[in-house]
Amino acid sequence: MAITHATDATFAAETGEGLVLVDFWATWCGPCKMIAPVLEELDGDLDGKAKIVKVDVDENQETASKYGIMSIPTLIVMKDGETVDKVVGFQPKEALAELLNKHM
């Protein structure tokens, strides 16, 4: 699966079903740029078991506010539309894989 970019308008539809890792990020954020290739690699490894959705906090302030995003990158794990886990800051691929695996 390819990484999806969600907006305030599409967020609920993109995250409402299955296991989803949501990356709240911004173009000016250094750690966000560092984690982008990690997420690309992880997406390839997931083999459809979970999907990754990115939300630009500058362009989608309503969603960022709803989820209380204060620092970026913030990664939220959602299962069938409900938040089940959350980490803040750069994470290595192994840590993100472990985070998702515990909710599969």
PDB file of N, CA and C in Angstrom:
ATOM      1  N   MET A   1       0.844  -1.197   0.000  1.00  0.00           N
ATOM      2  CA  MET A   1       0.000   0.000   0.000  1.00  0.00           C
ATOM      3  C   MET A   1       0.883   1.252   0.000  1.00  0.00           C
ATOM      4  N   ALA A   2       0.405   2.258  -0.634  1.00  0.00           N
ATOM      5  CA  ALA A   2       1.130   3.526  -0.631  1.00  0.00           C
ATOM      6  C   ALA A   2       0.685   4.351   0.579  1.00  0.00           C
ATOM      7  N   ILE A   3       1.575   5.205   1.026  1.00  0.00           N
ATOM      8  CA  ILE A   3       1.232   6.102   2.123  1.00  0.00           C
ATOM      9  C   ILE A   3       0.209   7.113   1.612  1.00  0.00           C
ATOM     10  N   THR A   4      -0.832   7.327   2.401  1.00  0.00           N
ATOM     11  CA  THR A   4      -1.916   8.233   2.043  1.00  0.00           C
ATOM     12  C   THR A   4      -1.733   9.562   2.756  1.00  0.00           C
ATOM     13  N   HIS A   5      -2.093  10.647   2.090  1.00  0.00           N
ATOM     14  CA  HIS A   5      -2.090  11.969   2.722  1.00  0.00           C
ATOM     15  C   HIS A   5      -3.539  12.348   2.986  1.00  0.00           C
ATOM     16  N   ALA A   6      -3.875  12.555   4.260  1.00  0.00           N
ATOM     17  CA  ALA A   6      -5.244  12.889   4.644  1.00  0.00           C
ATOM     18  C   ALA A   6      -5.370  14.379   4.931  1.00  0.00           C
ATOM     19  N   THR A   7      -6.589  14.877   4.756  1.00  0.00           N
ATOM     20  CA  THR A   7      -6.917  16.266   5.077  1.00  0.00           C
ATOM     21  C   THR A   7      -7.979  16.253   6.177  1.00  0.00           C
ATOM     22  N   ASP A   8      -8.325  17.444   6.658  1.00  0.00           N
ATOM     23  CA  ASP A   8      -9.414  17.518   7.633  1.00  0.00           C
ATOM     24  C   ASP A   8     -10.661  16.827   7.086  1.00  0.00           C
ATOM     25  N   ALA A   9     -10.911  16.998   5.797  1.00  0.00           N
ATOM     26  CA  ALA A   9     -12.117  16.447   5.166  1.00  0.00           C
ATOM     27  C   ALA A   9     -12.059  14.928   4.979  1.00  0.00           C
ATOM     28  N   THR A  10     -10.865  14.361   4.782  1.00  0.00           N
ATOM     29  CA  THR A  10     -10.765  12.926   4.477  1.00  0.00           C
ATOM     30  C   THR A  10     -10.256  12.077   5.644  1.00  0.00           C
ATOM     31  N   PHE A  11      -9.877  12.712   6.747  1.00  0.00           N
ATOM     32  CA  PHE A  11      -9.240  11.984   7.851  1.00  0.00           C
ATOM     33  C   PHE A  11     -10.092  10.823   8.374  1.00  0.00           C
ATOM     34  N   ALA A  12     -11.359  11.073   8.664  1.00  0.00           N
ATOM     35  CA  ALA A  12     -12.224  10.026   9.231  1.00  0.00           C
ATOM     36  C   ALA A  12     -12.337   8.835   8.284  1.00  0.00           C
ATOM     37  N   ALA A  13     -12.471   9.101   7.001  1.00  0.00           N
ATOM     38  CA  ALA A  13     -12.590   8.017   6.021  1.00  0.00           C
ATOM     39  C   ALA A  13     -11.299   7.223   5.917  1.00  0.00           C
ATOM     40  N   GLU A  14     -10.159   7.908   5.997  1.00  0.00           N
ATOM     41  CA  GLU A  14      -8.856   7.241   5.849  1.00  0.00           C
ATOM     42  C   GLU A  14      -8.486   6.406   7.082  1.00  0.00           C
ATOM     43  N   THR A  15      -9.014   6.759   8.252  1.00  0.00           N
ATOM     44  CA  THR A  15      -8.596   6.103   9.491  1.00  0.00           C
ATOM     45  C   THR A  15      -9.698   5.290  10.158  1.00  0.00           C
ATOM     46  N   GLY A  16     -10.851   5.190   9.530  1.00  0.00           N
ATOM     47  CA  GLY A  16     -12.005   4.562  10.175  1.00  0.00           C
ATOM     48  C   GLY A  16     -12.013   3.047  10.206  1.00  0.00           C
ATOM     49  N   GLU A  17     -11.153   2.414   9.424  1.00  0.00           N
ATOM     50  CA  GLU A  17     -11.200   0.960   9.310  1.00  0.00           C
ATOM     51  C   GLU A  17      -9.807   0.359   9.401  1.00  0.00           C
ATOM     52  N   GLY A  18      -9.680  -0.705  10.194  1.00  0.00           N
ATOM     53  CA  GLY A  18      -8.408  -1.417  10.293  1.00  0.00           C
ATOM     54  C   GLY A  18      -7.382  -0.697  11.151  1.00  0.00           C
ATOM     55  N   LEU A  19      -6.133  -1.142  11.023  1.00  0.00           N
ATOM     56  CA  LEU A  19      -5.019  -0.598  11.797  1.00  0.00           C
ATOM     57  C   LEU A  19      -4.320   0.466  10.959  1.00  0.00           C
ATOM     58  N   VAL A  20      -4.178   1.664  11.544  1.00  0.00           N
ATOM     59  CA  VAL A  20      -3.616   2.804  10.820  1.00  0.00           C
ATOM     60  C   VAL A  20      -2.579   3.509  11.685  1.00  0.00           C
ATOM     61  N   LEU A  21      -1.421   3.798  11.102  1.00  0.00           N
ATOM     62  CA  LEU A  21      -0.405   4.619  11.759  1.00  0.00           C
ATOM     63  C   LEU A  21      -0.523   6.012  11.147  1.00  0.00           C
ATOM     64  N   VAL A  22      -0.861   7.003  11.976  1.00  0.00           N
ATOM     65  CA  VAL A  22      -1.037   8.373  11.502  1.00  0.00           C
ATOM     66  C   VAL A  22       0.188   9.188  11.894  1.00  0.00           C
ATOM     67  N   ASP A  23       0.808   9.817  10.898  1.00  0.00           N
ATOM     68  CA  ASP A  23       1.977  10.668  11.110  1.00  0.00           C
ATOM     69  C   ASP A  23       1.544  12.124  10.981  1.00  0.00           C
ATOM     70  N   PHE A  24       1.533  12.840  12.108  1.00  0.00           N
ATOM     71  CA  PHE A  24       1.273  14.279  12.093  1.00  0.00           C
ATOM     72  C   PHE A  24       2.617  14.971  11.903  1.00  0.00           C
ATOM     73  N   TRP A  25       2.745  15.765  10.844  1.00  0.00           N
ATOM     74  CA  TRP A  25       4.037  16.320  10.438  1.00  0.00           C
ATOM     75  C   TRP A  25       3.859  17.715   9.843  1.00  0.00           C
ATOM     76  N   ALA A  26       4.985  18.352   9.490  1.00  0.00           N
ATOM     77  CA  ALA A  26       4.980  19.635   8.770  1.00  0.00           C
ATOM     78  C   ALA A  26       6.227  19.705   7.892  1.00  0.00           C
ATOM     79  N   THR A  27       6.143  20.476   6.809  1.00  0.00           N
ATOM     80  CA  THR A  27       7.247  20.557   5.849  1.00  0.00           C
ATOM     81  C   THR A  27       8.515  21.148   6.459  1.00  0.00           C
ATOM     82  N   TRP A  28       8.393  22.015   7.460  1.00  0.00           N
ATOM     83  CA  TRP A  28       9.544  22.700   8.057  1.00  0.00           C
ATOM     84  C   TRP A  28      10.189  21.914   9.195  1.00  0.00           C
ATOM     85  N   CYS A  29       9.635  20.761   9.539  1.00  0.00           N
ATOM     86  CA  CYS A  29      10.069  19.992  10.725  1.00  0.00           C
ATOM     87  C   CYS A  29      11.204  19.020  10.372  1.00  0.00           C
ATOM     88  N   GLY A  30      12.384  19.245  10.955  1.00  0.00           N
ATOM     89  CA  GLY A  30      13.546  18.393  10.702  1.00  0.00           C
ATOM     90  C   GLY A  30      13.321  16.923  11.030  1.00  0.00           C
ATOM     91  N   PRO A  31      12.877  16.594  12.265  1.00  0.00           N
ATOM     92  CA  PRO A  31      12.626  15.186  12.597  1.00  0.00           C
ATOM     93  C   PRO A  31      11.554  14.544  11.704  1.00  0.00           C
ATOM     94  N   CYS A  32      10.608  15.364  11.214  1.00  0.00           N
ATOM     95  CA  CYS A  32       9.576  14.836  10.300  1.00  0.00           C
ATOM     96  C   CYS A  32      10.219  14.390   8.991  1.00  0.00           C
ATOM     97  N   LYS A  33      11.196  15.176   8.525  1.00  0.00           N
ATOM     98  CA  LYS A  33      11.916  14.814   7.298  1.00  0.00           C
ATOM     99  C   LYS A  33      12.739  13.553   7.517  1.00  0.00           C
ATOM    100  N   MET A  34      13.287  13.389   8.718  1.00  0.00           N
ATOM    101  CA  MET A  34      14.089  12.201   9.037  1.00  0.00           C
ATOM    102  C   MET A  34      13.224  10.936   9.076  1.00  0.00           C
ATOM    103  N   ILE A  35      11.994  11.071   9.561  1.00  0.00           N
ATOM    104  CA  ILE A  35      11.145   9.882   9.721  1.00  0.00           C
ATOM    105  C   ILE A  35      10.451   9.478   8.423  1.00  0.00           C
ATOM    106  N   ALA A  36      10.365  10.383   7.450  1.00  0.00           N
ATOM    107  CA  ALA A  36       9.663  10.079   6.185  1.00  0.00           C
ATOM    108  C   ALA A  36      10.198   8.827   5.488  1.00  0.00           C
ATOM    109  N   PRO A  37      11.535   8.687   5.291  1.00  0.00           N
ATOM    110  CA  PRO A  37      12.015   7.457   4.635  1.00  0.00           C
ATOM    111  C   PRO A  37      11.806   6.207   5.498  1.00  0.00           C
ATOM    112  N   VAL A  38      11.802   6.378   6.813  1.00  0.00           N
ATOM    113  CA  VAL A  38      11.536   5.251   7.722  1.00  0.00           C
ATOM    114  C   VAL A  38      10.107   4.752   7.499  1.00  0.00           C
ATOM    115  N   LEU A  39       9.178   5.692   7.374  1.00  0.00           N
ATOM    116  CA  LEU A  39       7.777   5.322   7.138  1.00  0.00           C
ATOM    117  C   LEU A  39       7.600   4.663   5.777  1.00  0.00           C
ATOM    118  N   GLU A  40       8.326   5.151   4.767  1.00  0.00           N
ATOM    119  CA  GLU A  40       8.264   4.536   3.425  1.00  0.00           C
ATOM    120  C   GLU A  40       8.710   3.075   3.492  1.00  0.00           C
ATOM    121  N   GLU A  41       9.803   2.849   4.193  1.00  0.00           N
ATOM    122  CA  GLU A  41      10.346   1.496   4.329  1.00  0.00           C
ATOM    123  C   GLU A  41       9.372   0.611   5.114  1.00  0.00           C
ATOM    124  N   LEU A  42       8.849   1.146   6.207  1.00  0.00           N
ATOM    125  CA  LEU A  42       7.895   0.403   7.035  1.00  0.00           C
ATOM    126  C   LEU A  42       6.654   0.046   6.226  1.00  0.00           C
ATOM    127  N   ASP A  43       6.179   0.978   5.417  1.00  0.00           N
ATOM    128  CA  ASP A  43       4.997   0.742   4.595  1.00  0.00           C
ATOM    129  C   ASP A  43       5.212  -0.465   3.680  1.00  0.00           C
ATOM    130  N   GLY A  44       6.402  -0.587   3.123  1.00  0.00           N
ATOM    131  CA  GLY A  44       6.727  -1.724   2.278  1.00  0.00           C
ATOM    132  C   GLY A  44       6.722  -3.038   3.036  1.00  0.00           C
ATOM    133  N   ASP A  45       7.115  -2.990   4.296  1.00  0.00           N
ATOM    134  CA  ASP A  45       7.179  -4.189   5.134  1.00  0.00           C
ATOM    135  C   ASP A  45       5.806  -4.633   5.650  1.00  0.00           C
ATOM    136  N   LEU A  46       4.866  -3.712   5.736  1.00  0.00           N
ATOM    137  CA  LEU A  46       3.566  -4.018   6.352  1.00  0.00           C
ATOM    138  C   LEU A  46       2.716  -4.974   5.535  1.00  0.00           C
ATOM    139  N   ASP A  47       2.937  -5.004   4.235  1.00  0.00           N
ATOM    140  CA  ASP A  47       2.255  -5.955   3.366  1.00  0.00           C
ATOM    141  C   ASP A  47       0.730  -5.897   3.520  1.00  0.00           C
ATOM    142  N   GLY A  48       0.196  -4.683   3.659  1.00  0.00           N
ATOM    143  CA  GLY A  48      -1.248  -4.520   3.735  1.00  0.00           C
ATOM    144  C   GLY A  48      -1.880  -4.788   5.087  1.00  0.00           C
ATOM    145  N   LYS A  49      -1.086  -5.157   6.106  1.00  0.00           N
ATOM    146  CA  LYS A  49      -1.642  -5.451   7.440  1.00  0.00           C
ATOM    147  C   LYS A  49      -2.066  -4.189   8.172  1.00  0.00           C
ATOM    148  N   ALA A  50      -1.473  -3.070   7.783  1.00  0.00           N
ATOM    149  CA  ALA A  50      -1.806  -1.768   8.372  1.00  0.00           C
ATOM    150  C   ALA A  50      -1.510  -0.730   7.306  1.00  0.00           C
ATOM    151  N   LYS A  51      -2.080   0.463   7.473  1.00  0.00           N
ATOM    152  CA  LYS A  51      -1.763   1.503   6.509  1.00  0.00           C
ATOM    153  C   LYS A  51      -1.185   2.713   7.228  1.00  0.00           C
ATOM    154  N   ILE A  52      -0.476   3.526   6.472  1.00  0.00           N
ATOM    155  CA  ILE A  52       0.139   4.735   7.017  1.00  0.00           C
ATOM    156  C   ILE A  52      -0.531   5.934   6.367  1.00  0.00           C
ATOM    157  N   VAL A  53      -0.933   6.877   7.212  1.00  0.00           N
ATOM    158  CA  VAL A  53      -1.592   8.101   6.761  1.00  0.00           C
ATOM    159  C   VAL A  53      -0.823   9.282   7.319  1.00  0.00           C
ATOM    160  N   LYS A  54      -0.500  10.247   6.459  1.00  0.00           N
ATOM    161  CA  LYS A  54       0.209  11.447   6.888  1.00  0.00           C
ATOM    162  C   LYS A  54      -0.755  12.633   6.914  1.00  0.00           C
ATOM    163  N   VAL A  55      -0.611  13.474   7.939  1.00  0.00           N
ATOM    164  CA  VAL A  55      -1.442  14.666   8.074  1.00  0.00           C
ATOM    165  C   VAL A  55      -0.518  15.862   8.295  1.00  0.00           C
ATOM    166  N   ASP A  56      -0.527  16.803   7.357  1.00  0.00           N
ATOM    167  CA  ASP A  56       0.252  18.040   7.475  1.00  0.00           C
ATOM    168  C   ASP A  56      -0.483  18.948   8.464  1.00  0.00           C
ATOM    169  N   VAL A  57       0.145  19.206   9.627  1.00  0.00           N
ATOM    170  CA  VAL A  57      -0.533  19.960  10.685  1.00  0.00           C
ATOM    171  C   VAL A  57      -0.786  21.418  10.307  1.00  0.00           C
ATOM    172  N   ASP A  58       0.028  21.982   9.436  1.00  0.00           N
ATOM    173  CA  ASP A  58      -0.184  23.369   9.013  1.00  0.00           C
ATOM    174  C   ASP A  58      -1.415  23.507   8.124  1.00  0.00           C
ATOM    175  N   GLU A  59      -1.656  22.516   7.291  1.00  0.00           N
ATOM    176  CA  GLU A  59      -2.781  22.571   6.362  1.00  0.00           C
ATOM    177  C   GLU A  59      -4.062  21.967   6.936  1.00  0.00           C
ATOM    178  N   ASN A  60      -3.940  21.212   8.025  1.00  0.00           N
ATOM    179  CA  ASN A  60      -5.087  20.497   8.600  1.00  0.00           C
ATOM    180  C   ASN A  60      -5.159  20.717  10.108  1.00  0.00           C
ATOM    181  N   GLN A  61      -5.299  21.969  10.486  1.00  0.00           N
ATOM    182  CA  GLN A  61      -5.252  22.346  11.902  1.00  0.00           C
ATOM    183  C   GLN A  61      -6.425  21.787  12.714  1.00  0.00           C
ATOM    184  N   GLU A  62      -7.556  21.594  12.063  1.00  0.00           N
ATOM    185  CA  GLU A  62      -8.730  21.061  12.762  1.00  0.00           C
ATOM    186  C   GLU A  62      -8.449  19.654  13.301  1.00  0.00           C
ATOM    187  N   THR A  63      -7.886  18.804  12.452  1.00  0.00           N
ATOM    188  CA  THR A  63      -7.577  17.431  12.863  1.00  0.00           C
ATOM    189  C   THR A  63      -6.456  17.424  13.901  1.00  0.00           C
ATOM    190  N   ALA A  64      -5.416  18.216  13.675  1.00  0.00           N
ATOM    191  CA  ALA A  64      -4.307  18.287  14.629  1.00  0.00           C
ATOM    192  C   ALA A  64      -4.811  18.731  15.993  1.00  0.00           C
ATOM    193  N   SER A  65      -5.692  19.701  16.024  1.00  0.00           N
ATOM    194  CA  SER A  65      -6.255  20.204  17.276  1.00  0.00           C
ATOM    195  C   SER A  65      -7.122  19.138  17.951  1.00  0.00           C
ATOM    196  N   LYS A  66      -7.934  18.456  17.164  1.00  0.00           N
ATOM    197  CA  LYS A  66      -8.821  17.412  17.704  1.00  0.00           C
ATOM    198  C   LYS A  66      -8.026  16.320  18.427  1.00  0.00           C
ATOM    199  N   TYR A  67      -6.844  16.006  17.898  1.00  0.00           N
ATOM    200  CA  TYR A  67      -6.018  14.952  18.495  1.00  0.00           C
ATOM    201  C   TYR A  67      -4.950  15.491  19.442  1.00  0.00           C
ATOM    202  N   GLY A  68      -5.020  16.772  19.759  1.00  0.00           N
ATOM    203  CA  GLY A  68      -4.126  17.370  20.759  1.00  0.00           C
ATOM    204  C   GLY A  68      -2.661  17.350  20.376  1.00  0.00           C
ATOM    205  N   ILE A  69      -2.370  17.558  19.100  1.00  0.00           N
ATOM    206  CA  ILE A  69      -0.988  17.510  18.640  1.00  0.00           C
ATOM    207  C   ILE A  69      -0.261  18.784  19.079  1.00  0.00           C
ATOM    208  N   MET A  70       0.743  18.621  19.948  1.00  0.00           N
ATOM    209  CA  MET A  70       1.517  19.751  20.457  1.00  0.00           C
ATOM    210  C   MET A  70       2.947  19.753  19.915  1.00  0.00           C
ATOM    211  N   SER A  71       3.464  18.580  19.589  1.00  0.00           N
ATOM    212  CA  SER A  71       4.821  18.425  19.057  1.00  0.00           C
ATOM    213  C   SER A  71       4.743  17.529  17.835  1.00  0.00           C
ATOM    214  N   ILE A  72       5.677  17.760  16.902  1.00  0.00           N
ATOM    215  CA  ILE A  72       5.711  16.889  15.733  1.00  0.00           C
ATOM    216  C   ILE A  72       7.136  16.398  15.511  1.00  0.00           C
ATOM    217  N   PRO A  73       7.314  15.232  14.939  1.00  0.00           N
ATOM    218  CA  PRO A  73       6.244  14.333  14.537  1.00  0.00           C
ATOM    219  C   PRO A  73       5.560  13.668  15.733  1.00  0.00           C
ATOM    220  N   THR A  74       4.253  13.538  15.651  1.00  0.00           N
ATOM    221  CA  THR A  74       3.484  12.711  16.578  1.00  0.00           C
ATOM    222  C   THR A  74       2.884  11.598  15.740  1.00  0.00           C
ATOM    223  N   LEU A  75       3.052  10.376  16.217  1.00  0.00           N
ATOM    224  CA  LEU A  75       2.517   9.208  15.505  1.00  0.00           C
ATOM    225  C   LEU A  75       1.454   8.559  16.384  1.00  0.00           C
ATOM    226  N   ILE A  76       0.264   8.434  15.822  1.00  0.00           N
ATOM    227  CA  ILE A  76      -0.856   7.833  16.547  1.00  0.00           C
ATOM    228  C   ILE A  76      -1.220   6.523  15.856  1.00  0.00           C
ATOM    229  N   VAL A  77      -1.433   5.487  16.660  1.00  0.00           N
ATOM    230  CA  VAL A  77      -1.918   4.216  16.130  1.00  0.00           C
ATOM    231  C   VAL A  77      -3.422   4.187  16.365  1.00  0.00           C
ATOM    232  N   MET A  78      -4.165   3.964  15.284  1.00  0.00           N
ATOM    233  CA  MET A  78      -5.620   3.893  15.376  1.00  0.00           C
ATOM    234  C   MET A  78      -6.088   2.521  14.915  1.00  0.00           C
ATOM    235  N   LYS A  79      -7.094   2.019  15.597  1.00  0.00           N
ATOM    236  CA  LYS A  79      -7.697   0.750  15.206  1.00  0.00           C
ATOM    237  C   LYS A  79      -9.194   0.991  15.066  1.00  0.00           C
ATOM    238  N   ASP A  80      -9.699   0.799  13.854  1.00  0.00           N
ATOM    239  CA  ASP A  80     -11.112   1.024  13.542  1.00  0.00           C
ATOM    240  C   ASP A  80     -11.599   2.393  14.022  1.00  0.00           C
ATOM    241  N   GLY A  81     -10.778   3.411  13.781  1.00  0.00           N
ATOM    242  CA  GLY A  81     -11.165   4.785  14.084  1.00  0.00           C
ATOM    243  C   GLY A  81     -10.894   5.268  15.497  1.00  0.00           C
ATOM    244  N   GLU A  82     -10.405   4.374  16.374  1.00  0.00           N
ATOM    245  CA  GLU A  82     -10.120   4.739  17.765  1.00  0.00           C
ATOM    246  C   GLU A  82      -8.617   4.786  18.008  1.00  0.00           C
ATOM    247  N   THR A  83      -8.157   5.790  18.746  1.00  0.00           N
ATOM    248  CA  THR A  83      -6.741   5.888  19.085  1.00  0.00           C
ATOM    249  C   THR A  83      -6.395   4.819  20.114  1.00  0.00           C
ATOM    250  N   VAL A  84      -5.361   4.012  19.814  1.00  0.00           N
ATOM    251  CA  VAL A  84      -4.954   2.953  20.746  1.00  0.00           C
ATOM    252  C   VAL A  84      -3.535   3.143  21.253  1.00  0.00           C
ATOM    253  N   ASP A  85      -2.750   4.018  20.609  1.00  0.00           N
ATOM    254  CA  ASP A  85      -1.372   4.246  21.047  1.00  0.00           C
ATOM    255  C   ASP A  85      -0.858   5.539  20.439  1.00  0.00           C
ATOM    256  N   LYS A  86       0.225   6.079  21.028  1.00  0.00           N
ATOM    257  CA  LYS A  86       0.757   7.355  20.550  1.00  0.00           C
ATOM    258  C   LYS A  86       2.222   7.477  20.965  1.00  0.00           C
ATOM    259  N   VAL A  87       3.060   7.967  20.050  1.00  0.00           N
ATOM    260  CA  VAL A  87       4.452   8.275  20.364  1.00  0.00           C
ATOM    261  C   VAL A  87       4.786   9.631  19.752  1.00  0.00           C
ATOM    262  N   VAL A  88       5.693  10.345  20.404  1.00  0.00           N
ATOM    263  CA  VAL A  88       6.093  11.674  19.927  1.00  0.00           C
ATOM    264  C   VAL A  88       7.582  11.662  19.624  1.00  0.00           C
ATOM    265  N   GLY A  89       7.954  12.265  18.494  1.00  0.00           N
ATOM    266  CA  GLY A  89       9.358  12.376  18.127  1.00  0.00           C
ATOM    267  C   GLY A  89       9.797  11.279  17.174  1.00  0.00           C
ATOM    268  N   PHE A  90      11.007  11.445  16.665  1.00  0.00           N
ATOM    269  CA  PHE A  90      11.566  10.464  15.731  1.00  0.00           C
ATOM    270  C   PHE A  90      11.626   9.089  16.378  1.00  0.00           C
ATOM    271  N   GLN A  91      11.234   8.074  15.632  1.00  0.00           N
ATOM    272  CA  GLN A  91      11.288   6.685  16.090  1.00  0.00           C
ATOM    273  C   GLN A  91      11.956   5.844  15.005  1.00  0.00           C
ATOM    274  N   PRO A  92      12.847   4.916  15.390  1.00  0.00           N
ATOM    275  CA  PRO A  92      13.415   4.018  14.378  1.00  0.00           C
ATOM    276  C   PRO A  92      12.347   3.040  13.872  1.00  0.00           C
ATOM    277  N   LYS A  93      12.597   2.481  12.704  1.00  0.00           N
ATOM    278  CA  LYS A  93      11.641   1.570  12.073  1.00  0.00           C
ATOM    279  C   LYS A  93      11.252   0.416  12.998  1.00  0.00           C
ATOM    280  N   GLU A  94      12.222  -0.140  13.695  1.00  0.00           N
ATOM    281  CA  GLU A  94      11.956  -1.277  14.575  1.00  0.00           C
ATOM    282  C   GLU A  94      10.957  -0.914  15.668  1.00  0.00           C
ATOM    283  N   ALA A  95      11.092   0.288  16.227  1.00  0.00           N
ATOM    284  CA  ALA A  95      10.175   0.731  17.291  1.00  0.00           C
ATOM    285  C   ALA A  95       8.759   0.911  16.753  1.00  0.00           C
ATOM    286  N   LEU A  96       8.659   1.450  15.536  1.00  0.00           N
ATOM    287  CA  LEU A  96       7.335   1.643  14.937  1.00  0.00           C
ATOM    288  C   LEU A  96       6.696   0.305  14.573  1.00  0.00           C
ATOM    289  N   ALA A  97       7.499  -0.629  14.072  1.00  0.00           N
ATOM    290  CA  ALA A  97       6.989  -1.962  13.739  1.00  0.00           C
ATOM    291  C   ALA A  97       6.471  -2.657  15.000  1.00  0.00           C
ATOM    292  N   GLU A  98       7.217  -2.530  16.090  1.00  0.00           N
ATOM    293  CA  GLU A  98       6.819  -3.130  17.364  1.00  0.00           C
ATOM    294  C   GLU A  98       5.512  -2.495  17.866  1.00  0.00           C
ATOM    295  N   LEU A  99       5.422  -1.185  17.731  1.00  0.00           N
ATOM    296  CA  LEU A  99       4.223  -0.454  18.142  1.00  0.00           C
ATOM    297  C   LEU A  99       2.991  -0.968  17.400  1.00  0.00           C
ATOM    298  N   LEU A 100       3.119  -1.150  16.086  1.00  0.00           N
ATOM    299  CA  LEU A 100       1.997  -1.660  15.292  1.00  0.00           C
ATOM    300  C   LEU A 100       1.701  -3.126  15.606  1.00  0.00           C
ATOM    301  N   ASN A 101       2.755  -3.928  15.754  1.00  0.00           N
ATOM    302  CA  ASN A 101       2.583  -5.361  15.991  1.00  0.00           C
ATOM    303  C   ASN A 101       1.774  -5.655  17.243  1.00  0.00           C
ATOM    304  N   LYS A 102       1.934  -4.821  18.266  1.00  0.00           N
ATOM    305  CA  LYS A 102       1.198  -5.105  19.509  1.00  0.00           C
ATOM    306  C   LYS A 102      -0.303  -4.841  19.378  1.00  0.00           C
ATOM    307  N   HIS A 103      -0.729  -4.225  18.271  1.00  0.00           N
ATOM    308  CA  HIS A 103      -2.154  -3.960  18.063  1.00  0.00           C
ATOM    309  C   HIS A 103      -2.743  -4.781  16.925  1.00  0.00           C
ATOM    310  N   MET A 104      -1.936  -5.658  16.321  1.00  0.00           N
ATOM    311  CA  MET A 104      -2.441  -6.485  15.202  1.00  0.00           C
ATOM    312  C   MET A 104      -3.211  -7.681  15.738  1.00  0.00           C
TER     313      MET A 104
END
